[in-house]
Amino acid sequence: HPCRLFTKKGEFVTNIGAIGQGPGEYRAVYKAEIDEKHNCIYLMPFAN
């Protein structure tokens, strides 16, 4: 399943990206970071 974003209260917000091999898609994510100040989420895909 893709990365899932929740509020700090546990409420589901949305999926971030998608599983696949197309542009912006990934098989798995090794590391991630949330940057609320700049309204961004950064994902480092796993392997190559």
All heavy atoms as atom14 arrays in JSON, in Angstrom:
{
  "sequence": "HPCRLFTKKGEFVTNIGAIGQGPGEYRAVYKAEIDEKHNCIYLMPFAN",
  "atom14_mask": [
    [1, 1, 1, 1, 1, 1, 1, 1, 1, 1, 0, 0, 0, 0],
    [1, 1, 1, 1, 1, 1, 1, 0, 0, 0, 0, 0, 0, 0],
    [1, 1, 1, 1, 1, 1, 0, 0, 0, 0, 0, 0, 0, 0],
    [1, 1, 1, 1, 1, 1, 1, 1, 1, 1, 1, 0, 0, 0],
    [1, 1, 1, 1, 1, 1, 1, 1, 0, 0, 0, 0, 0, 0],
    [1, 1, 1, 1, 1, 1, 1, 1, 1, 1, 1, 0, 0, 0],
    [1, 1, 1, 1, 1, 1, 1, 0, 0, 0, 0, 0, 0, 0],
    [1, 1, 1, 1, 1, 1, 1, 1, 1, 0, 0, 0, 0, 0],
    [1, 1, 1, 1, 1, 1, 1, 1, 1, 0, 0, 0, 0, 0],
    [1, 1, 1, 1, 0, 0, 0, 0, 0, 0, 0, 0, 0, 0],
    [1, 1, 1, 1, 1, 1, 1, 1, 1, 0, 0, 0, 0, 0],
    [1, 1, 1, 1, 1, 1, 1, 1, 1, 1, 1, 0, 0, 0],
    [1, 1, 1, 1, 1, 1, 1, 0, 0, 0, 0, 0, 0, 0],
    [1, 1, 1, 1, 1, 1, 1, 0, 0, 0, 0, 0, 0, 0],
    [1, 1, 1, 1, 1, 1, 1, 1, 0, 0, 0, 0, 0, 0],
    [1, 1, 1, 1, 1, 1, 1, 1, 0, 0, 0, 0, 0, 0],
    [1, 1, 1, 1, 0, 0, 0, 0, 0, 0, 0, 0, 0, 0],
    [1, 1, 1, 1, 1, 0, 0, 0, 0, 0, 0, 0, 0, 0],
    [1, 1, 1, 1, 1, 1, 1, 1, 0, 0, 0, 0, 0, 0],
    [1, 1, 1, 1, 0, 0, 0, 0, 0, 0, 0, 0, 0, 0],
    [1, 1, 1, 1, 1, 1, 1, 1, 1, 0, 0, 0, 0, 0],
    [1, 1, 1, 1, 0, 0, 0, 0, 0, 0, 0, 0, 0, 0],
    [1, 1, 1, 1, 1, 1, 1, 0, 0, 0, 0, 0, 0, 0],
    [1, 1, 1, 1, 0, 0, 0, 0, 0, 0, 0, 0, 0, 0],
    [1, 1, 1, 1, 1, 1, 1, 1, 1, 0, 0, 0, 0, 0],
    [1, 1, 1, 1, 1, 1, 1, 1, 1, 1, 1, 1, 0, 0],
    [1, 1, 1, 1, 1, 1, 1, 1, 1, 1, 1, 0, 0, 0],
    [1, 1, 1, 1, 1, 0, 0, 0, 0, 0, 0, 0, 0, 0],
    [1, 1, 1, 1, 1, 1, 1, 0, 0, 0, 0, 0, 0, 0],
    [1, 1, 1, 1, 1, 1, 1, 1, 1, 1, 1, 1, 0, 0],
    [1, 1, 1, 1, 1, 1, 1, 1, 1, 0, 0, 0, 0, 0],
    [1, 1, 1, 1, 1, 0, 0, 0, 0, 0, 0, 0, 0, 0],
    [1, 1, 1, 1, 1, 1, 1, 1, 1, 0, 0, 0, 0, 0],
    [1, 1, 1, 1, 1, 1, 1, 1, 0, 0, 0, 0, 0, 0],
    [1, 1, 1, 1, 1, 1, 1, 1, 0, 0, 0, 0, 0, 0],
    [1, 1, 1, 1, 1, 1, 1, 1, 1, 0, 0, 0, 0, 0],
    [1, 1, 1, 1, 1, 1, 1, 1, 1, 0, 0, 0, 0, 0],
    [1, 1, 1, 1, 1, 1, 1, 1, 1, 1, 0, 0, 0, 0],
    [1, 1, 1, 1, 1, 1, 1, 1, 0, 0, 0, 0, 0, 0],
    [1, 1, 1, 1, 1, 1, 0, 0, 0, 0, 0, 0, 0, 0],
    [1, 1, 1, 1, 1, 1, 1, 1, 0, 0, 0, 0, 0, 0],
    [1, 1, 1, 1, 1, 1, 1, 1, 1, 1, 1, 1, 0, 0],
    [1, 1, 1, 1, 1, 1, 1, 1, 0, 0, 0, 0, 0, 0],
    [1, 1, 1, 1, 1, 1, 1, 1, 0, 0, 0, 0, 0, 0],
    [1, 1, 1, 1, 1, 1, 1, 0, 0, 0, 0, 0, 0, 0],
    [1, 1, 1, 1, 1, 1, 1, 1, 1, 1, 1, 0, 0, 0],
    [1, 1, 1, 1, 1, 0, 0, 0, 0, 0, 0, 0, 0, 0],
    [1, 1, 1, 1, 1, 1, 1, 1, 0, 0, 0, 0, 0, 0]
  ],
  "atom14_positions": [
    [[0.85, -1.19, 0.0], [0.0, 0.0, 0.0], [0.89, 1.24, 0.0], [2.04, 1.19, 0.45], [-0.96, 0.01, 1.2], [-0.29, 0.12, 2.53], [0.33, 1.25, 2.98], [-0.15, -0.78, 3.54], [0.82, 1.07, 4.18], [0.55, -0.17, 4.55], [0.0, 0.0, 0.0], [0.0, 0.0, 0.0], [0.0, 0.0, 0.0], [0.0, 0.0, 0.0]],
    [[0.4, 2.35, -0.52], [1.21, 3.56, -0.56], [1.39, 4.16, 0.83], [0.76, 3.73, 1.81], [0.41, 4.49, -1.47], [-1.0, 4.02, -1.33], [-0.92, 2.53, -1.14], [0.0, 0.0, 0.0], [0.0, 0.0, 0.0], [0.0, 0.0, 0.0], [0.0, 0.0, 0.0], [0.0, 0.0, 0.0], [0.0, 0.0, 0.0], [0.0, 0.0, 0.0]],
    [[2.25, 5.17, 0.92], [2.41, 5.9, 2.17], [1.07, 6.54, 2.54], [0.35, 7.05, 1.68], [3.47, 6.99, 2.01], [5.07, 6.36, 1.48], [0.0, 0.0, 0.0], [0.0, 0.0, 0.0], [0.0, 0.0, 0.0], [0.0, 0.0, 0.0], [0.0, 0.0, 0.0], [0.0, 0.0, 0.0], [0.0, 0.0, 0.0], [0.0, 0.0, 0.0]],
    [[0.76, 6.52, 3.83], [-0.52, 7.06, 4.3], [-0.27, 8.2, 5.29], [0.54, 8.07, 6.21], [-1.35, 5.97, 4.95], [-1.6, 4.73, 4.07], [-2.94, 4.12, 4.4], [-3.11, 2.77, 3.9], [-3.49, 2.44, 2.67], [-3.67, 3.4, 1.77], [-3.66, 1.18, 2.32], [0.0, 0.0, 0.0], [0.0, 0.0, 0.0], [0.0, 0.0, 0.0]],
    [[-1.01, 9.29, 5.07], [-0.88, 10.46, 5.92], [-2.1, 10.55, 6.84], [-3.24, 10.43, 6.39], [-0.78, 11.73, 5.08], [-0.52, 13.03, 5.83], [0.86, 13.03, 6.47], [-0.68, 14.24, 4.9], [0.0, 0.0, 0.0], [0.0, 0.0, 0.0], [0.0, 0.0, 0.0], [0.0, 0.0, 0.0], [0.0, 0.0, 0.0], [0.0, 0.0, 0.0]],
    [[-1.83, 10.74, 8.16], [-2.87, 10.88, 9.17], [-2.65, 12.19, 9.92], [-1.54, 12.73, 9.95], [-2.8, 9.73, 10.18], [-3.01, 8.36, 9.6], [-1.95, 7.67, 9.01], [-4.25, 7.75, 9.66], [-2.14, 6.4, 8.48], [-4.45, 6.48, 9.14], [-3.39, 5.81, 8.54], [0.0, 0.0, 0.0], [0.0, 0.0, 0.0], [0.0, 0.0, 0.0]],
    [[-3.7, 12.69, 10.56], [-3.53, 13.78, 11.5], [-2.91, 13.22, 12.77], [-2.84, 12.0, 12.98], [-4.86, 14.46, 11.84], [-5.66, 13.55, 12.64], [-5.62, 14.86, 10.59], [0.0, 0.0, 0.0], [0.0, 0.0, 0.0], [0.0, 0.0, 0.0], [0.0, 0.0, 0.0], [0.0, 0.0, 0.0], [0.0, 0.0, 0.0], [0.0, 0.0, 0.0]],
    [[-2.49, 14.11, 13.66], [-1.89, 13.68, 14.93], [-2.94, 13.03, 15.83], [-2.58, 12.38, 16.82], [-1.28, 14.92, 15.63], [-0.26, 14.6, 16.71], [1.06, 14.17, 16.12], [2.16, 14.2, 17.17], [2.58, 15.56, 17.52], [0.0, 0.0, 0.0], [0.0, 0.0, 0.0], [0.0, 0.0, 0.0], [0.0, 0.0, 0.0], [0.0, 0.0, 0.0]],
    [[-4.21, 13.16, 15.5], [-5.27, 12.48, 16.25], [-5.61, 11.12, 15.66], [-6.48, 10.42, 16.17], [-6.53, 13.36, 16.27], [-6.36, 14.66, 17.04], [-7.66, 15.45, 17.06], [-7.5, 16.76, 17.84], [-8.75, 17.55, 17.85], [0.0, 0.0, 0.0], [0.0, 0.0, 0.0], [0.0, 0.0, 0.0], [0.0, 0.0, 0.0], [0.0, 0.0, 0.0]],
    [[-4.93, 10.74, 14.59], [-5.14, 9.43, 14.0], [-6.11, 9.4, 12.84], [-6.4, 8.32, 12.3], [0.0, 0.0, 0.0], [0.0, 0.0, 0.0], [0.0, 0.0, 0.0], [0.0, 0.0, 0.0], [0.0, 0.0, 0.0], [0.0, 0.0, 0.0], [0.0, 0.0, 0.0], [0.0, 0.0, 0.0], [0.0, 0.0, 0.0], [0.0, 0.0, 0.0]],
    [[-6.64, 10.55, 12.42], [-7.62, 10.6, 11.33], [-6.89, 10.51, 9.98], [-5.93, 11.24, 9.73], [-8.44, 11.88, 11.41], [-9.23, 12.0, 12.71], [-9.66, 13.43, 13.01], [-9.11, 14.35, 12.36], [-10.51, 13.61, 13.89], [0.0, 0.0, 0.0], [0.0, 0.0, 0.0], [0.0, 0.0, 0.0], [0.0, 0.0, 0.0], [0.0, 0.0, 0.0]],
    [[-7.39, 9.65, 9.11], [-6.77, 9.48, 7.79], [-6.98, 10.72, 6.93], [-8.09, 11.26, 6.85], [-7.37, 8.26, 7.1], [-6.83, 8.0, 5.72], [-5.49, 7.74, 5.52], [-7.68, 8.02, 4.62], [-4.98, 7.51, 4.24], [-7.19, 7.78, 3.34], [-5.83, 7.52, 3.16], [0.0, 0.0, 0.0], [0.0, 0.0, 0.0], [0.0, 0.0, 0.0]],
    [[-5.9, 11.18, 6.26], [-5.96, 12.36, 5.39], [-5.95, 11.95, 3.93], [-6.88, 12.21, 3.18], [-4.8, 13.32, 5.69], [-4.84, 14.52, 4.74], [-4.84, 13.79, 7.14], [0.0, 0.0, 0.0], [0.0, 0.0, 0.0], [0.0, 0.0, 0.0], [0.0, 0.0, 0.0], [0.0, 0.0, 0.0], [0.0, 0.0, 0.0], [0.0, 0.0, 0.0]],
    [[-4.88, 11.25, 3.51], [-4.77, 10.87, 2.1], [-3.58, 9.94, 1.93], [-2.73, 9.81, 2.82], [-4.57, 12.12, 1.22], [-4.64, 11.74, -0.16], [-3.22, 12.78, 1.47], [0.0, 0.0, 0.0], [0.0, 0.0, 0.0], [0.0, 0.0, 0.0], [0.0, 0.0, 0.0], [0.0, 0.0, 0.0], [0.0, 0.0, 0.0], [0.0, 0.0, 0.0]],
    [[-3.52, 9.27, 0.79], [-2.33, 8.55, 0.39], [-1.31, 9.53, -0.21], [-1.69, 10.53, -0.83], [-2.65, 7.48, -0.65], [-3.44, 6.32, -0.08], [-3.27, 5.95, 1.08], [-4.3, 5.72, -0.89], [0.0, 0.0, 0.0], [0.0, 0.0, 0.0], [0.0, 0.0, 0.0], [0.0, 0.0, 0.0], [0.0, 0.0, 0.0], [0.0, 0.0, 0.0]],
    [[-0.05, 9.21, -0.03], [1.02, 10.02, -0.61], [1.74, 9.15, -1.65], [2.4, 8.18, -1.33], [2.03, 10.48, 0.47], [1.3, 11.25, 1.58], [3.14, 11.3, -0.16], [0.65, 12.54, 1.12], [0.0, 0.0, 0.0], [0.0, 0.0, 0.0], [0.0, 0.0, 0.0], [0.0, 0.0, 0.0], [0.0, 0.0, 0.0], [0.0, 0.0, 0.0]],
    [[1.56, 9.5, -2.93], [2.14, 8.71, -3.99], [1.38, 7.41, -4.2], [0.27, 7.22, -3.69], [0.0, 0.0, 0.0], [0.0, 0.0, 0.0], [0.0, 0.0, 0.0], [0.0, 0.0, 0.0], [0.0, 0.0, 0.0], [0.0, 0.0, 0.0], [0.0, 0.0, 0.0], [0.0, 0.0, 0.0], [0.0, 0.0, 0.0], [0.0, 0.0, 0.0]],
    [[2.0, 6.5, -4.95], [1.35, 5.24, -5.28], [2.39, 4.16, -5.52], [3.54, 4.44, -5.87], [0.47, 5.42, -6.52], [0.0, 0.0, 0.0], [0.0, 0.0, 0.0], [0.0, 0.0, 0.0], [0.0, 0.0, 0.0], [0.0, 0.0, 0.0], [0.0, 0.0, 0.0], [0.0, 0.0, 0.0], [0.0, 0.0, 0.0], [0.0, 0.0, 0.0]],
    [[1.95, 2.89, -5.33], [2.81, 1.76, -5.62], [2.84, 1.54, -7.13], [1.8, 1.52, -7.8], [2.28, 0.48, -4.93], [2.22, 0.68, -3.4], [3.16, -0.72, -5.27], [3.56, 0.86, -2.74], [0.0, 0.0, 0.0], [0.0, 0.0, 0.0], [0.0, 0.0, 0.0], [0.0, 0.0, 0.0], [0.0, 0.0, 0.0], [0.0, 0.0, 0.0]],
    [[4.03, 1.39, -7.69], [4.14, 1.16, -9.12], [5.52, 1.51, -9.64], [6.44, 1.79, -8.86], [0.0, 0.0, 0.0], [0.0, 0.0, 0.0], [0.0, 0.0, 0.0], [0.0, 0.0, 0.0], [0.0, 0.0, 0.0], [0.0, 0.0, 0.0], [0.0, 0.0, 0.0], [0.0, 0.0, 0.0], [0.0, 0.0, 0.0], [0.0, 0.0, 0.0]],
    [[5.65, 1.55, -10.94], [6.93, 1.85, -11.57], [6.85, 3.06, -12.49], [7.79, 3.34, -13.24], [7.41, 0.62, -12.37], [7.66, -0.6, -11.5], [8.15, -1.8, -12.29], [8.0, -1.83, -13.51], [8.73, -2.77, -11.61], [0.0, 0.0, 0.0], [0.0, 0.0, 0.0], [0.0, 0.0, 0.0], [0.0, 0.0, 0.0], [0.0, 0.0, 0.0]],
    [[5.75, 3.79, -12.44], [5.6, 4.98, -13.27], [6.22, 6.2, -12.61], [6.8, 6.12, -11.51], [0.0, 0.0, 0.0], [0.0, 0.0, 0.0], [0.0, 0.0, 0.0], [0.0, 0.0, 0.0], [0.0, 0.0, 0.0], [0.0, 0.0, 0.0], [0.0, 0.0, 0.0], [0.0, 0.0, 0.0], [0.0, 0.0, 0.0], [0.0, 0.0, 0.0]],
    [[6.12, 7.36, -13.25], [6.66, 8.6, -12.68], [6.06, 8.9, -11.3], [4.84, 8.88, -11.13], [6.25, 9.66, -13.71], [6.05, 8.9, -14.98], [5.51, 7.56, -14.58], [0.0, 0.0, 0.0], [0.0, 0.0, 0.0], [0.0, 0.0, 0.0], [0.0, 0.0, 0.0], [0.0, 0.0, 0.0], [0.0, 0.0, 0.0], [0.0, 0.0, 0.0]],
    [[6.91, 9.16, -10.33], [6.45, 9.47, -8.99], [5.93, 8.29, -8.21], [5.44, 8.44, -7.08], [0.0, 0.0, 0.0], [0.0, 0.0, 0.0], [0.0, 0.0, 0.0], [0.0, 0.0, 0.0], [0.0, 0.0, 0.0], [0.0, 0.0, 0.0], [0.0, 0.0, 0.0], [0.0, 0.0, 0.0], [0.0, 0.0, 0.0], [0.0, 0.0, 0.0]],
    [[6.02, 7.07, -8.77], [5.57, 5.87, -8.08], [6.78, 5.12, -7.53], [7.92, 5.33, -7.94], [4.77, 4.98, -9.02], [3.48, 5.61, -9.51], [2.72, 4.71, -10.47], [3.36, 3.82, -11.09], [1.5, 4.9, -10.62], [0.0, 0.0, 0.0], [0.0, 0.0, 0.0], [0.0, 0.0, 0.0], [0.0, 0.0, 0.0], [0.0, 0.0, 0.0]],
    [[6.54, 4.23, -6.59], [7.62, 3.53, -5.91], [7.14, 2.13, -5.5], [5.95, 1.87, -5.38], [8.04, 4.31, -4.65], [6.87, 4.77, -3.81], [6.24, 3.92, -2.92], [6.37, 6.07, -3.92], [5.15, 4.33, -2.16], [5.27, 6.5, -3.17], [4.67, 5.61, -2.29], [3.59, 6.02, -1.55], [0.0, 0.0, 0.0], [0.0, 0.0, 0.0]],
    [[8.11, 1.27, -5.29], [7.8, -0.06, -4.75], [7.78, -0.02, -3.23], [6.94, -0.63, -2.59], [8.85, -1.07, -5.22], [8.56, -2.49, -4.72], [9.68, -3.45, -5.05], [9.44, -4.75, -4.45], [10.39, -5.64, -4.21], [11.64, -5.35, -4.5], [10.11, -6.8, -3.67], [0.0, 0.0, 0.0], [0.0, 0.0, 0.0], [0.0, 0.0, 0.0]],
    [[8.73, 0.7, -2.65], [8.82, 0.85, -1.2], [9.58, 2.14, -0.91], [10.28, 2.67, -1.78], [9.52, -0.34, -0.55], [0.0, 0.0, 0.0], [0.0, 0.0, 0.0], [0.0, 0.0, 0.0], [0.0, 0.0, 0.0], [0.0, 0.0, 0.0], [0.0, 0.0, 0.0], [0.0, 0.0, 0.0], [0.0, 0.0, 0.0], [0.0, 0.0, 0.0]],
    [[9.45, 2.64, 0.3], [10.11, 3.88, 0.72], [11.04, 3.56, 1.89], [10.64, 2.92, 2.86], [9.08, 4.95, 1.12], [9.76, 6.15, 1.76], [8.28, 5.38, -0.11], [0.0, 0.0, 0.0], [0.0, 0.0, 0.0], [0.0, 0.0, 0.0], [0.0, 0.0, 0.0], [0.0, 0.0, 0.0], [0.0, 0.0, 0.0], [0.0, 0.0, 0.0]],
    [[12.3, 4.0, 1.77], [13.29, 3.71, 2.81], [13.25, 4.75, 3.93], [13.3, 4.4, 5.1], [14.69, 3.65, 2.2], [15.74, 3.17, 3.16], [15.72, 1.87, 3.65], [16.77, 4.0, 3.58], [16.68, 1.41, 4.53], [17.75, 3.56, 4.45], [17.7, 2.27, 4.94], [18.65, 1.82, 5.82], [0.0, 0.0, 0.0], [0.0, 0.0, 0.0]],
    [[13.17, 6.04, 3.58], [13.11, 7.1, 4.58], [12.16, 8.19, 4.09], [11.95, 8.37, 2.89], [14.49, 7.71, 4.85], [15.47, 6.77, 5.52], [15.0, 6.37, 6.92], [15.95, 5.36, 7.54], [15.45, 4.86, 8.85], [0.0, 0.0, 0.0], [0.0, 0.0, 0.0], [0.0, 0.0, 0.0], [0.0, 0.0, 0.0], [0.0, 0.0, 0.0]],
    [[11.6, 8.93, 5.05], [10.65, 9.99, 4.71], [10.77, 11.13, 5.71], [11.27, 10.95, 6.83], [9.22, 9.45, 4.7], [0.0, 0.0, 0.0], [0.0, 0.0, 0.0], [0.0, 0.0, 0.0], [0.0, 0.0, 0.0], [0.0, 0.0, 0.0], [0.0, 0.0, 0.0], [0.0, 0.0, 0.0], [0.0, 0.0, 0.0], [0.0, 0.0, 0.0]],
    [[10.3, 12.3, 5.31], [10.35, 13.48, 6.17], [9.15, 14.36, 5.86], [8.79, 14.55, 4.69], [11.66, 14.24, 5.92], [11.89, 15.45, 6.81], [13.24, 16.1, 6.55], [14.26, 15.38, 6.54], [13.26, 17.35, 6.36], [0.0, 0.0, 0.0], [0.0, 0.0, 0.0], [0.0, 0.0, 0.0], [0.0, 0.0, 0.0], [0.0, 0.0, 0.0]],
    [[8.52, 14.88, 6.93], [7.41, 15.83, 6.79], [7.94, 17.23, 7.08], [8.61, 17.45, 8.09], [6.27, 15.51, 7.78], [5.78, 14.07, 7.6], [5.1, 16.48, 7.59], [4.79, 13.64, 8.67], [0.0, 0.0, 0.0], [0.0, 0.0, 0.0], [0.0, 0.0, 0.0], [0.0, 0.0, 0.0], [0.0, 0.0, 0.0], [0.0, 0.0, 0.0]],
    [[7.63, 18.17, 6.2], [8.04, 19.56, 6.36], [6.77, 20.42, 6.31], [6.36, 20.88, 5.25], [9.01, 19.95, 5.25], [9.5, 21.4, 5.36], [9.07, 22.11, 6.3], [10.3, 21.82, 4.5], [0.0, 0.0, 0.0], [0.0, 0.0, 0.0], [0.0, 0.0, 0.0], [0.0, 0.0, 0.0], [0.0, 0.0, 0.0], [0.0, 0.0, 0.0]],
    [[6.15, 20.62, 7.48], [4.91, 21.39, 7.52], [5.13, 22.84, 7.12], [4.27, 23.46, 6.48], [4.3, 21.32, 8.92], [3.7, 19.98, 9.29], [2.88, 20.06, 10.56], [2.15, 21.06, 10.74], [2.96, 19.12, 11.38], [0.0, 0.0, 0.0], [0.0, 0.0, 0.0], [0.0, 0.0, 0.0], [0.0, 0.0, 0.0], [0.0, 0.0, 0.0]],
    [[6.28, 23.4, 7.48], [6.56, 24.81, 7.19], [6.45, 25.1, 5.7], [5.92, 26.13, 5.28], [7.95, 25.18, 7.7], [8.36, 26.61, 7.37], [9.78, 26.9, 7.87], [10.24, 28.29, 7.46], [11.65, 28.55, 7.89], [0.0, 0.0, 0.0], [0.0, 0.0, 0.0], [0.0, 0.0, 0.0], [0.0, 0.0, 0.0], [0.0, 0.0, 0.0]],
    [[6.93, 24.17, 4.88], [6.93, 24.37, 3.43], [5.88, 23.51, 2.73], [5.91, 23.38, 1.5], [8.32, 24.08, 2.87], [9.38, 24.98, 3.39], [10.15, 24.67, 4.5], [9.8, 26.22, 2.98], [11.0, 25.65, 4.73], [10.81, 26.6, 3.84], [0.0, 0.0, 0.0], [0.0, 0.0, 0.0], [0.0, 0.0, 0.0], [0.0, 0.0, 0.0]],
    [[4.97, 22.91, 3.52], [3.86, 22.13, 2.96], [4.36, 21.01, 2.06], [3.85, 20.78, 0.96], [2.9, 23.05, 2.18], [1.61, 22.34, 1.79], [1.07, 21.55, 2.56], [1.12, 22.61, 0.59], [0.0, 0.0, 0.0], [0.0, 0.0, 0.0], [0.0, 0.0, 0.0], [0.0, 0.0, 0.0], [0.0, 0.0, 0.0], [0.0, 0.0, 0.0]],
    [[5.4, 20.29, 2.54], [6.02, 19.25, 1.72], [6.21, 17.95, 2.49], [6.42, 17.95, 3.71], [7.39, 19.71, 1.2], [7.31, 20.96, -0.1], [0.0, 0.0, 0.0], [0.0, 0.0, 0.0], [0.0, 0.0, 0.0], [0.0, 0.0, 0.0], [0.0, 0.0, 0.0], [0.0, 0.0, 0.0], [0.0, 0.0, 0.0], [0.0, 0.0, 0.0]],
    [[6.17, 16.87, 1.75], [6.57, 15.55, 2.23], [7.64, 15.03, 1.27], [7.48, 15.09, 0.05], [5.38, 14.58, 2.28], [4.42, 14.99, 3.41], [5.85, 13.14, 2.49], [3.15, 14.18, 3.45], [0.0, 0.0, 0.0], [0.0, 0.0, 0.0], [0.0, 0.0, 0.0], [0.0, 0.0, 0.0], [0.0, 0.0, 0.0], [0.0, 0.0, 0.0]],
    [[8.75, 14.53, 1.84], [9.87, 14.03, 1.04], [9.99, 12.52, 1.24], [10.02, 12.04, 2.38], [11.17, 14.7, 1.47], [11.14, 16.22, 1.39], [10.84, 16.98, 2.52], [11.39, 16.88, 0.2], [10.81, 18.36, 2.47], [11.37, 18.27, 0.13], [11.07, 19.0, 1.27], [11.03, 20.37, 1.2], [0.0, 0.0, 0.0], [0.0, 0.0, 0.0]],
    [[10.09, 11.78, 0.15], [10.22, 10.32, 0.19], [11.49, 9.88, -0.51], [11.75, 10.29, -1.64], [9.02, 9.65, -0.49], [7.62, 9.99, -0.01], [6.59, 9.16, -0.78], [7.47, 9.76, 1.48], [0.0, 0.0, 0.0], [0.0, 0.0, 0.0], [0.0, 0.0, 0.0], [0.0, 0.0, 0.0], [0.0, 0.0, 0.0], [0.0, 0.0, 0.0]],
    [[12.29, 9.05, 0.17], [13.46, 8.42, -0.43], [13.08, 6.98, -0.78], [12.97, 6.13, 0.11], [14.64, 8.43, 0.54], [15.87, 7.67, 0.04], [16.77, 8.54, -1.26], [17.7, 9.74, -0.28], [0.0, 0.0, 0.0], [0.0, 0.0, 0.0], [0.0, 0.0, 0.0], [0.0, 0.0, 0.0], [0.0, 0.0, 0.0], [0.0, 0.0, 0.0]],
    [[12.86, 6.67, -2.05], [12.5, 5.3, -2.43], [13.61, 4.31, -2.07], [14.78, 4.66, -1.98], [12.3, 5.38, -3.94], [11.97, 6.82, -4.2], [12.8, 7.58, -3.2], [0.0, 0.0, 0.0], [0.0, 0.0, 0.0], [0.0, 0.0, 0.0], [0.0, 0.0, 0.0], [0.0, 0.0, 0.0], [0.0, 0.0, 0.0], [0.0, 0.0, 0.0]],
    [[13.2, 3.07, -1.88], [14.12, 1.99, -1.53], [14.75, 1.4, -2.78], [14.05, 1.11, -3.75], [13.35, 0.9, -0.76], [14.14, -0.35, -0.51], [15.1, -0.4, 0.49], [13.93, -1.48, -1.29], [15.82, -1.56, 0.73], [14.64, -2.64, -1.06], [15.6, -2.68, -0.05], [0.0, 0.0, 0.0], [0.0, 0.0, 0.0], [0.0, 0.0, 0.0]],
    [[16.07, 1.26, -2.77], [16.85, 0.53, -3.78], [16.96, 1.29, -5.11], [15.97, 1.52, -5.8], [16.27, -0.87, -4.02], [0.0, 0.0, 0.0], [0.0, 0.0, 0.0], [0.0, 0.0, 0.0], [0.0, 0.0, 0.0], [0.0, 0.0, 0.0], [0.0, 0.0, 0.0], [0.0, 0.0, 0.0], [0.0, 0.0, 0.0], [0.0, 0.0, 0.0]],
    [[18.19, 1.67, -5.42], [18.54, 2.27, -6.72], [17.7, 3.5, -7.05], [17.2, 3.64, -8.17], [18.42, 1.22, -7.82], [19.31, 0.01, -7.59], [20.47, 0.16, -7.22], [18.76, -1.17, -7.79], [0.0, 0.0, 0.0], [0.0, 0.0, 0.0], [0.0, 0.0, 0.0], [0.0, 0.0, 0.0], [0.0, 0.0, 0.0], [0.0, 0.0, 0.0]]
  ]
}
